[in-house]
């Protein structure tokens, strides 16, 4: 029983450390400015902002990806930022909109 408890605690601590080591993705005006219509790909977006919060496929083969970013430390809790990107059938950005929460 003690060995099982010890292994559980070690696993839990390892998971916590791994979470701390994972790079945080968040809303960044500089990265949003790098989005270019007919150039930027889904892979680049995921690299810059992390996995999308929501994904939708259109009947015509297009995709819509959306990110919701929680405010960082010291910011008001109602200042959430959003990014929504539409990808064409070629996998490149066809349109996007972004809104930064208040700072």
N, C-alpha and C. Protein backbone atom coordinates (compact mmCIF):
# COMPACT_ATOMS: atom_id res chain seq x y z
N UNK A 1 0.82 -1.19 0.00
CA UNK A 1 0.00 0.00 0.00
C UNK A 1 0.87 1.26 0.00
N UNK A 2 1.93 1.25 0.80
CA UNK A 2 2.82 2.42 0.84
C UNK A 2 3.52 2.62 -0.49
N UNK A 3 3.91 1.53 -1.13
CA UNK A 3 4.59 1.63 -2.42
C UNK A 3 3.66 2.24 -3.46
N UNK A 4 2.40 1.84 -3.45
CA UNK A 4 1.42 2.38 -4.38
C UNK A 4 1.22 3.88 -4.14
N UNK A 5 1.11 4.25 -2.88
CA UNK A 5 0.95 5.67 -2.53
C UNK A 5 2.17 6.47 -2.96
N UNK A 6 3.36 5.93 -2.72
CA UNK A 6 4.59 6.62 -3.09
C UNK A 6 4.67 6.79 -4.60
N UNK A 7 4.31 5.76 -5.36
CA UNK A 7 4.33 5.86 -6.82
C UNK A 7 3.31 6.88 -7.31
N UNK A 8 2.15 6.92 -6.68
CA UNK A 8 1.13 7.89 -7.05
C UNK A 8 1.63 9.32 -6.83
N UNK A 9 2.26 9.55 -5.69
CA UNK A 9 2.78 10.88 -5.36
C UNK A 9 3.89 11.26 -6.34
N UNK A 10 4.77 10.34 -6.65
CA UNK A 10 5.85 10.62 -7.61
C UNK A 10 5.26 10.96 -8.98
N UNK A 11 4.25 10.21 -9.40
CA UNK A 11 3.60 10.49 -10.68
C UNK A 11 2.92 11.84 -10.69
N UNK A 12 2.27 12.19 -9.59
CA UNK A 12 1.60 13.48 -9.49
C UNK A 12 2.61 14.63 -9.53
N UNK A 13 3.71 14.49 -8.81
CA UNK A 13 4.76 15.52 -8.83
C UNK A 13 5.38 15.64 -10.22
N UNK A 14 5.59 14.52 -10.88
CA UNK A 14 6.15 14.55 -12.24
C UNK A 14 5.22 15.29 -13.19
N UNK A 15 3.92 15.03 -13.07
CA UNK A 15 2.95 15.71 -13.92
C UNK A 15 2.95 17.22 -13.66
N UNK A 16 3.08 17.60 -12.41
CA UNK A 16 3.13 19.03 -12.07
C UNK A 16 4.37 19.69 -12.68
N UNK A 17 5.51 19.02 -12.58
CA UNK A 17 6.73 19.57 -13.14
C UNK A 17 6.66 19.66 -14.65
N UNK A 18 6.08 18.66 -15.28
CA UNK A 18 5.93 18.69 -16.73
C UNK A 18 5.04 19.85 -17.15
N UNK A 19 3.98 20.09 -16.40
CA UNK A 19 3.09 21.22 -16.69
C UNK A 19 3.82 22.54 -16.58
N UNK A 20 4.71 22.65 -15.63
CA UNK A 20 5.48 23.89 -15.47
C UNK A 20 6.49 24.08 -16.60
N UNK A 21 6.95 23.00 -17.17
CA UNK A 21 7.97 23.07 -18.22
C UNK A 21 7.36 23.31 -19.60
N UNK A 22 6.04 23.11 -19.73
CA UNK A 22 5.39 23.29 -21.02
C UNK A 22 5.30 24.77 -21.35
N UNK A 23 5.75 25.21 -22.53
CA UNK A 23 5.68 26.63 -22.85
C UNK A 23 4.24 27.10 -22.96
N UNK A 24 3.97 28.26 -22.42
CA UNK A 24 2.61 28.81 -22.47
C UNK A 24 2.38 29.53 -23.79
N UNK A 25 1.22 29.30 -24.34
CA UNK A 25 0.81 30.03 -25.54
C UNK A 25 -0.26 30.99 -25.08
N UNK A 26 -0.26 32.15 -25.61
CA UNK A 26 -1.26 33.12 -25.24
C UNK A 26 -1.47 34.12 -26.35
N UNK A 27 -2.37 35.04 -26.11
CA UNK A 27 -2.65 36.08 -27.10
C UNK A 27 -1.44 37.01 -27.18
N UNK A 28 -1.02 37.28 -28.39
CA UNK A 28 0.15 38.13 -28.61
C UNK A 28 -0.11 38.96 -29.87
N UNK A 29 -0.24 40.29 -29.70
CA UNK A 29 -0.50 41.17 -30.84
C UNK A 29 0.56 41.02 -31.93
N UNK A 30 1.80 40.79 -31.54
CA UNK A 30 2.88 40.62 -32.51
C UNK A 30 2.68 39.40 -33.38
N UNK A 31 2.23 38.30 -32.76
CA UNK A 31 1.99 37.09 -33.53
C UNK A 31 0.74 37.23 -34.39
N UNK A 32 -0.29 37.90 -33.86
CA UNK A 32 -1.50 38.13 -34.67
C UNK A 32 -1.14 38.94 -35.91
N UNK A 33 -0.25 39.91 -35.76
CA UNK A 33 0.18 40.74 -36.90
C UNK A 33 0.93 39.93 -37.95
N UNK A 34 1.48 38.78 -37.56
CA UNK A 34 2.22 37.93 -38.50
C UNK A 34 1.28 37.08 -39.37
N UNK A 35 0.00 37.01 -39.01
CA UNK A 35 -0.95 36.23 -39.79
C UNK A 35 -1.16 36.92 -41.14
N UNK A 36 -0.94 36.18 -42.20
CA UNK A 36 -1.08 36.71 -43.57
C UNK A 36 -2.08 35.87 -44.36
N UNK A 37 -3.04 36.55 -44.96
CA UNK A 37 -4.03 35.88 -45.79
C UNK A 37 -3.35 35.19 -46.97
N UNK A 38 -3.77 33.96 -47.25
CA UNK A 38 -3.26 33.12 -48.34
C UNK A 38 -1.80 32.70 -48.16
N UNK A 39 -1.24 32.90 -46.96
CA UNK A 39 0.15 32.52 -46.71
C UNK A 39 0.27 31.67 -45.45
N UNK A 40 -0.27 32.16 -44.33
CA UNK A 40 -0.13 31.48 -43.04
C UNK A 40 -0.89 30.17 -43.03
N UNK A 41 -0.27 29.12 -42.47
CA UNK A 41 -0.86 27.79 -42.44
C UNK A 41 -1.37 27.44 -41.03
N UNK A 42 -2.16 26.38 -40.95
CA UNK A 42 -2.66 25.90 -39.67
C UNK A 42 -1.51 25.52 -38.74
N UNK A 43 -0.49 24.88 -39.28
CA UNK A 43 0.66 24.46 -38.46
C UNK A 43 1.34 25.68 -37.81
N UNK A 44 1.46 26.76 -38.55
CA UNK A 44 2.06 27.98 -37.99
C UNK A 44 1.19 28.54 -36.87
N UNK A 45 -0.12 28.55 -37.08
CA UNK A 45 -1.04 29.06 -36.06
C UNK A 45 -0.94 28.25 -34.78
N UNK A 46 -0.89 26.94 -34.90
CA UNK A 46 -0.78 26.07 -33.72
C UNK A 46 0.56 26.29 -33.03
N UNK A 47 1.61 26.51 -33.79
CA UNK A 47 2.92 26.79 -33.21
C UNK A 47 2.90 28.10 -32.43
N UNK A 48 2.23 29.11 -32.95
CA UNK A 48 2.20 30.42 -32.32
C UNK A 48 1.24 30.52 -31.15
N UNK A 49 0.05 29.87 -31.27
CA UNK A 49 -1.01 30.05 -30.28
C UNK A 49 -1.41 28.78 -29.54
N UNK A 50 -0.83 27.65 -29.90
CA UNK A 50 -1.22 26.38 -29.27
C UNK A 50 -2.44 25.81 -29.98
N UNK A 51 -2.90 24.65 -29.51
CA UNK A 51 -4.08 24.03 -30.13
C UNK A 51 -5.31 24.94 -30.01
N UNK A 52 -6.14 24.96 -31.03
CA UNK A 52 -7.34 25.78 -31.01
C UNK A 52 -8.32 25.30 -29.94
N UNK A 53 -9.04 26.24 -29.35
CA UNK A 53 -10.06 25.92 -28.35
C UNK A 53 -11.27 25.26 -29.02
N UNK A 54 -11.58 25.72 -30.23
CA UNK A 54 -12.72 25.18 -30.99
C UNK A 54 -12.30 25.02 -32.44
N UNK A 55 -12.85 23.95 -33.06
CA UNK A 55 -12.59 23.68 -34.47
C UNK A 55 -13.91 23.33 -35.13
N UNK A 56 -14.12 23.84 -36.33
CA UNK A 56 -15.33 23.51 -37.08
C UNK A 56 -14.97 23.30 -38.54
N UNK A 57 -15.58 22.31 -39.14
CA UNK A 57 -15.38 22.03 -40.57
C UNK A 57 -16.61 22.51 -41.33
N UNK A 58 -16.37 23.22 -42.43
CA UNK A 58 -17.46 23.65 -43.29
C UNK A 58 -17.77 22.58 -44.33
N UNK A 59 -18.96 22.59 -44.89
CA UNK A 59 -19.33 21.58 -45.90
C UNK A 59 -18.50 21.70 -47.18
N UNK A 60 -17.87 22.86 -47.37
CA UNK A 60 -17.05 23.08 -48.56
C UNK A 60 -15.58 22.73 -48.35
N UNK A 61 -15.24 22.16 -47.17
CA UNK A 61 -13.86 21.76 -46.90
C UNK A 61 -13.04 22.81 -46.16
N UNK A 62 -13.65 23.94 -45.85
CA UNK A 62 -12.95 24.97 -45.08
C UNK A 62 -12.98 24.61 -43.60
N UNK A 63 -12.09 25.23 -42.83
CA UNK A 63 -12.04 25.03 -41.38
C UNK A 63 -12.12 26.39 -40.71
N UNK A 64 -12.73 26.41 -39.54
CA UNK A 64 -12.70 27.59 -38.69
C UNK A 64 -12.09 27.18 -37.37
N UNK A 65 -11.03 27.87 -36.98
CA UNK A 65 -10.34 27.61 -35.71
C UNK A 65 -10.53 28.82 -34.81
N UNK A 66 -10.75 28.57 -33.53
CA UNK A 66 -10.94 29.67 -32.58
C UNK A 66 -10.13 29.40 -31.32
N UNK A 67 -9.54 30.47 -30.81
CA UNK A 67 -8.78 30.43 -29.57
C UNK A 67 -9.39 31.41 -28.59
N UNK A 68 -9.50 31.02 -27.34
CA UNK A 68 -9.91 31.91 -26.26
C UNK A 68 -8.76 31.94 -25.28
N UNK A 69 -8.29 33.13 -24.96
CA UNK A 69 -7.14 33.27 -24.08
C UNK A 69 -7.58 33.90 -22.77
N UNK A 70 -7.28 33.23 -21.68
CA UNK A 70 -7.59 33.77 -20.36
C UNK A 70 -6.61 34.86 -20.04
N UNK A 71 -7.02 35.81 -19.22
CA UNK A 71 -6.10 36.89 -18.85
C UNK A 71 -4.93 36.37 -18.03
N UNK A 72 -3.81 37.04 -18.14
CA UNK A 72 -2.62 36.68 -17.36
C UNK A 72 -2.74 37.20 -15.94
N UNK A 73 -1.75 36.93 -15.14
CA UNK A 73 -1.74 37.38 -13.76
C UNK A 73 -1.80 38.91 -13.72
N UNK A 74 -2.59 39.41 -12.79
CA UNK A 74 -2.68 40.85 -12.61
C UNK A 74 -3.67 41.53 -13.53
N UNK A 75 -4.36 40.77 -14.37
CA UNK A 75 -5.35 41.37 -15.27
C UNK A 75 -6.75 41.07 -14.76
N UNK A 76 -7.67 41.90 -15.15
CA UNK A 76 -9.06 41.69 -14.76
C UNK A 76 -9.57 40.37 -15.32
N UNK A 77 -10.44 39.69 -14.58
CA UNK A 77 -10.91 38.36 -15.00
C UNK A 77 -11.87 38.41 -16.17
N UNK A 78 -12.41 39.57 -16.51
CA UNK A 78 -13.35 39.65 -17.63
C UNK A 78 -12.69 40.16 -18.91
N UNK A 79 -11.39 40.10 -18.99
CA UNK A 79 -10.68 40.67 -20.14
C UNK A 79 -10.16 39.59 -21.08
N UNK A 80 -11.00 38.62 -21.39
CA UNK A 80 -10.58 37.51 -22.24
C UNK A 80 -10.34 37.96 -23.68
N UNK A 81 -9.32 37.41 -24.31
CA UNK A 81 -8.99 37.71 -25.70
C UNK A 81 -9.43 36.55 -26.57
N UNK A 82 -9.75 36.84 -27.83
CA UNK A 82 -10.19 35.80 -28.77
C UNK A 82 -9.51 35.98 -30.12
N UNK A 83 -9.33 34.85 -30.79
CA UNK A 83 -8.81 34.84 -32.16
C UNK A 83 -9.61 33.80 -32.92
N UNK A 84 -10.12 34.18 -34.08
CA UNK A 84 -10.86 33.25 -34.93
C UNK A 84 -10.27 33.31 -36.32
N UNK A 85 -9.96 32.14 -36.88
CA UNK A 85 -9.30 32.07 -38.18
C UNK A 85 -10.06 31.09 -39.08
N UNK A 86 -10.29 31.51 -40.29
CA UNK A 86 -10.90 30.63 -41.29
C UNK A 86 -9.81 30.19 -42.26
N UNK A 87 -9.72 28.88 -42.48
CA UNK A 87 -8.73 28.31 -43.40
C UNK A 87 -9.45 27.83 -44.65
N UNK A 88 -8.89 28.15 -45.80
CA UNK A 88 -9.44 27.69 -47.07
C UNK A 88 -9.15 26.21 -47.28
N UNK A 89 -9.62 25.67 -48.37
CA UNK A 89 -9.40 24.26 -48.68
C UNK A 89 -7.93 23.95 -48.91
N UNK A 90 -7.13 24.98 -49.16
CA UNK A 90 -5.69 24.78 -49.34
C UNK A 90 -4.93 24.78 -48.00
N UNK A 91 -5.67 24.97 -46.89
CA UNK A 91 -5.04 24.93 -45.57
C UNK A 91 -4.41 26.24 -45.15
N UNK A 92 -4.64 27.30 -45.92
CA UNK A 92 -4.07 28.61 -45.61
C UNK A 92 -5.17 29.57 -45.16
N UNK A 93 -4.78 30.57 -44.40
CA UNK A 93 -5.73 31.55 -43.86
C UNK A 93 -6.46 32.27 -44.98
N UNK A 94 -7.79 32.27 -44.91
CA UNK A 94 -8.58 33.04 -45.86
C UNK A 94 -9.18 34.28 -45.19
N UNK A 95 -9.35 34.25 -43.86
CA UNK A 95 -9.85 35.40 -43.11
C UNK A 95 -9.57 35.16 -41.62
N UNK A 96 -9.50 36.25 -40.86
CA UNK A 96 -9.33 36.12 -39.41
C UNK A 96 -9.82 37.37 -38.71
N UNK A 97 -10.13 37.19 -37.43
CA UNK A 97 -10.48 38.34 -36.59
C UNK A 97 -9.90 38.09 -35.21
N UNK A 98 -9.49 39.15 -34.56
CA UNK A 98 -8.88 39.06 -33.24
C UNK A 98 -9.39 40.18 -32.37
N UNK A 99 -9.55 39.88 -31.09
CA UNK A 99 -9.94 40.91 -30.13
C UNK A 99 -9.17 40.67 -28.84
N UNK A 100 -8.43 41.68 -28.45
CA UNK A 100 -7.64 41.60 -27.21
C UNK A 100 -8.48 42.14 -26.07
N UNK A 101 -8.42 41.46 -24.94
CA UNK A 101 -9.12 41.94 -23.75
C UNK A 101 -8.45 43.21 -23.23
N UNK A 102 -9.15 43.91 -22.36
CA UNK A 102 -8.58 45.13 -21.80
C UNK A 102 -7.40 44.81 -20.91
N UNK A 103 -6.46 45.72 -20.83
CA UNK A 103 -5.25 45.49 -20.04
C UNK A 103 -5.27 46.27 -18.77
